[in-house]
């Protein structure tokens, strides 16, 4: 996520040089490219951490110094 990022709520993902933008609420690939297997893992992680991701998205827009780390998928 980036400070003062635009709506809709989303995050940026990278894998082996590929970049993607994922909608937090729908898990939809908004932009970029990602192998299907990795995209499905990212989408599962997004569902598990949706509340944290939405909170971080809003926090970054209002107070960029206080965002929290979201646990990675293991």
Protein backbone atom coordinates (compact mmCIF):
# COMPACT_ATOMS: atom_id res chain seq x y z
CA UNK A 1 0.00 0.00 0.00
CA UNK A 2 1.08 3.54 -0.62
CA UNK A 3 0.44 6.79 1.26
CA UNK A 4 -2.52 8.78 -0.12
CA UNK A 5 -3.43 6.00 -2.55
CA UNK A 6 -6.63 6.20 -4.59
CA UNK A 7 -9.92 4.36 -4.14
CA UNK A 8 -11.11 1.64 -4.32
CA UNK A 9 -9.26 0.06 -1.37
CA UNK A 10 -6.47 -2.09 -2.80
CA UNK A 11 -2.93 -3.31 -2.29
CA UNK A 12 0.05 -3.93 -4.52
CA UNK A 13 1.55 -7.43 -4.83
CA UNK A 14 4.79 -8.58 -6.44
CA UNK A 15 6.03 -12.01 -7.42
CA UNK A 16 9.20 -12.74 -9.42
CA UNK A 17 9.17 -9.34 -11.11
CA UNK A 18 5.43 -9.39 -11.82
CA UNK A 19 3.27 -6.71 -10.25
CA UNK A 20 -0.44 -6.64 -9.55
CA UNK A 21 -3.00 -4.42 -7.88
CA UNK A 22 -5.67 -6.32 -5.94
CA UNK A 23 -9.04 -4.96 -4.80
CA UNK A 24 -9.33 -5.64 -1.05
CA UNK A 25 -13.12 -6.01 -0.97
CA UNK A 26 -13.46 -8.31 -4.00
CA UNK A 27 -10.02 -9.88 -4.41
CA UNK A 28 -10.23 -8.88 -8.07
CA UNK A 29 -7.05 -8.31 -10.07
CA UNK A 30 -7.45 -4.64 -10.94
CA UNK A 31 -4.22 -4.14 -12.82
CA UNK A 32 -1.06 -6.00 -13.71
CA UNK A 33 -0.23 -9.64 -14.19
CA UNK A 34 0.22 -12.59 -11.85
CA UNK A 35 0.40 -16.37 -12.43
CA UNK A 36 -2.96 -17.92 -11.56
CA UNK A 37 -1.57 -20.08 -8.72
CA UNK A 38 0.01 -17.08 -7.00
CA UNK A 39 -3.08 -14.94 -7.66
CA UNK A 40 -5.29 -17.53 -5.94
CA UNK A 41 -2.94 -17.56 -2.90
CA UNK A 42 -2.98 -13.76 -2.78
CA UNK A 43 -6.78 -13.75 -2.99
CA UNK A 44 -7.05 -16.31 -0.15
CA UNK A 45 -4.70 -14.17 1.97
CA UNK A 46 -6.82 -11.12 1.13
CA UNK A 47 -9.99 -12.83 2.40
CA UNK A 48 -8.28 -13.91 5.63
CA UNK A 49 -6.92 -10.40 6.30
CA UNK A 50 -9.62 -8.22 4.73
CA UNK A 51 -10.37 -6.27 7.92
CA UNK A 52 -6.68 -5.55 8.59
CA UNK A 53 -6.08 -4.55 4.97
CA UNK A 54 -9.04 -2.16 4.94
CA UNK A 55 -7.91 -0.62 8.21
CA UNK A 56 -4.39 -0.15 6.86
CA UNK A 57 -5.69 1.36 3.63
CA UNK A 58 -7.72 3.97 5.53
CA UNK A 59 -4.97 4.59 8.09
CA UNK A 60 -2.38 5.22 5.38
CA UNK A 61 -4.63 7.84 3.82
CA UNK A 62 -5.09 9.75 7.09
CA UNK A 63 -1.98 8.96 9.15
CA UNK A 64 0.79 7.25 7.16
CA UNK A 65 3.06 6.81 10.18
CA UNK A 66 0.69 4.45 12.03
CA UNK A 67 -0.10 1.58 9.66
CA UNK A 68 0.36 -2.00 10.82
CA UNK A 69 2.03 -5.04 9.34
CA UNK A 70 -0.25 -7.81 8.06
CA UNK A 71 0.87 -11.39 8.69
CA UNK A 72 2.04 -13.13 5.48
CA UNK A 73 0.46 -16.33 4.17
CA UNK A 74 2.45 -19.33 5.40
